[in-house]
Amino acid sequence: MNAISANDIPRLPRGVRVRYDGVRNSHVLLAPERAFDLDDNAAAILDLVDGHRTVAAIVDELAVKYQVDRAVIEGDVIDMLSELVAKRIVDR
């Protein structure tokens, strides 16, 4: 199962990184032989994926930063990270 939980600690594996592409004027997620355009929300989430924070801590930080109820964003964060785990772009 690829679902990530609030207690998991996500990290970007070796060879995967987030970069700002000045030509596209957006963030991209670069993985071996793959690239994904990121919207601002995905970039904000991945900016906090450091191999030290739990998913719950990431949600807490985003809730404070954007002044929203954590319950509103928790499902979206877990869904996005679970999808990236399934694609083997994020480890837990």
Protein backbone atom coordinates (compact mmCIF):
# COMPACT_ATOMS: atom_id res chain seq x y z
CA MET A 1 0.00 0.00 0.00
CA ASN A 2 1.33 3.45 -0.94
CA ALA A 3 -0.82 5.63 1.31
CA ILE A 4 1.20 7.85 3.59
CA SER A 5 0.05 8.61 7.13
CA ALA A 6 0.33 11.67 9.34
CA ASN A 7 3.13 10.00 11.32
CA ASP A 8 5.31 9.18 8.31
CA ILE A 9 8.42 11.23 7.61
CA PRO A 10 8.61 11.88 3.87
CA ARG A 11 11.85 12.63 2.09
CA LEU A 12 13.04 13.13 -1.44
CA PRO A 13 15.24 10.20 -2.49
CA ARG A 14 18.66 10.64 -4.01
CA GLY A 15 18.40 12.17 -7.47
CA VAL A 16 15.04 13.88 -6.85
CA ARG A 17 14.90 17.62 -6.25
CA VAL A 18 12.67 20.67 -6.54
CA ARG A 19 14.00 23.55 -8.61
CA TYR A 20 12.68 26.89 -9.79
CA ASP A 21 12.62 27.07 -13.58
CA GLY A 22 13.05 30.69 -14.65
CA VAL A 23 12.07 29.91 -18.24
CA ARG A 24 8.74 28.40 -17.18
CA ASN A 25 8.44 30.80 -14.25
CA SER A 26 7.43 27.93 -11.99
CA HIS A 27 8.77 25.19 -9.74
CA VAL A 28 9.51 21.75 -11.16
CA LEU A 29 10.11 18.42 -9.50
CA LEU A 30 13.02 16.69 -11.17
CA ALA A 31 13.46 12.93 -10.92
CA PRO A 32 15.59 10.60 -13.02
CA GLU A 33 14.25 10.77 -16.57
CA ARG A 34 11.11 12.62 -15.38
CA ALA A 35 10.03 16.17 -14.63
CA PHE A 36 6.78 17.44 -13.13
CA ASP A 37 5.47 21.00 -13.15
CA LEU A 38 4.40 22.05 -9.68
CA ASP A 39 1.71 24.50 -8.73
CA ASP A 40 2.35 26.84 -5.79
CA ASN A 41 0.61 24.51 -3.32
CA ALA A 42 2.67 21.46 -4.33
CA ALA A 43 5.88 23.52 -4.20
CA ALA A 44 5.01 24.75 -0.68
CA ILE A 45 4.42 21.17 0.49
CA LEU A 46 7.59 19.79 -1.08
CA ASP A 47 9.60 22.69 0.31
CA LEU A 48 8.87 21.24 3.77
CA VAL A 49 9.71 17.63 2.85
CA ASP A 50 13.14 17.38 4.42
CA GLY A 51 13.37 13.89 5.89
CA HIS A 52 12.94 15.28 9.41
CA ARG A 53 9.34 16.56 9.59
CA THR A 54 6.37 14.25 9.85
CA VAL A 55 3.42 14.75 7.55
CA ALA A 56 1.52 16.12 10.57
CA ALA A 57 4.27 18.69 11.20
CA ILE A 58 4.17 19.73 7.53
CA VAL A 59 0.40 20.18 7.74
CA ASP A 60 0.75 22.19 10.97
CA GLU A 61 3.34 24.48 9.42
CA LEU A 62 1.27 25.06 6.29
CA ALA A 63 -1.86 25.73 8.37
CA VAL A 64 -0.03 28.44 10.31
CA LYS A 65 1.67 29.92 7.25
CA TYR A 66 -1.54 30.18 5.21
CA GLN A 67 -3.87 30.74 8.18
CA VAL A 68 -6.21 27.86 7.40
CA ASP A 69 -7.68 25.10 9.51
CA ARG A 70 -5.32 22.13 9.36
CA ALA A 71 -8.28 19.78 8.81
CA VAL A 72 -8.96 21.58 5.53
CA ILE A 73 -5.53 20.86 4.08
CA GLU A 74 -4.47 17.61 5.76
CA GLY A 75 -6.30 15.37 3.29
CA ASP A 76 -4.87 17.22 0.30
CA VAL A 77 -1.31 16.99 1.66
CA ILE A 78 -1.67 13.27 2.37
CA ASP A 79 -3.24 12.62 -1.04
CA MET A 80 -0.47 14.47 -2.88
CA LEU A 81 2.35 12.80 -0.95
CA SER A 82 0.71 9.38 -1.31
CA GLU A 83 0.56 9.85 -5.07
CA LEU A 84 4.25 10.76 -5.14
CA VAL A 85 5.10 7.72 -2.98
CA ALA A 86 3.22 5.53 -5.46
CA LYS A 87 5.30 7.03 -8.29
CA ARG A 88 8.47 6.45 -6.23
CA ILE A 89 9.28 10.14 -6.19
CA VAL A 90 8.94 10.50 -2.42
CA ASP A 91 10.13 8.01 0.18
CA ARG A 92 8.68 7.54 3.63
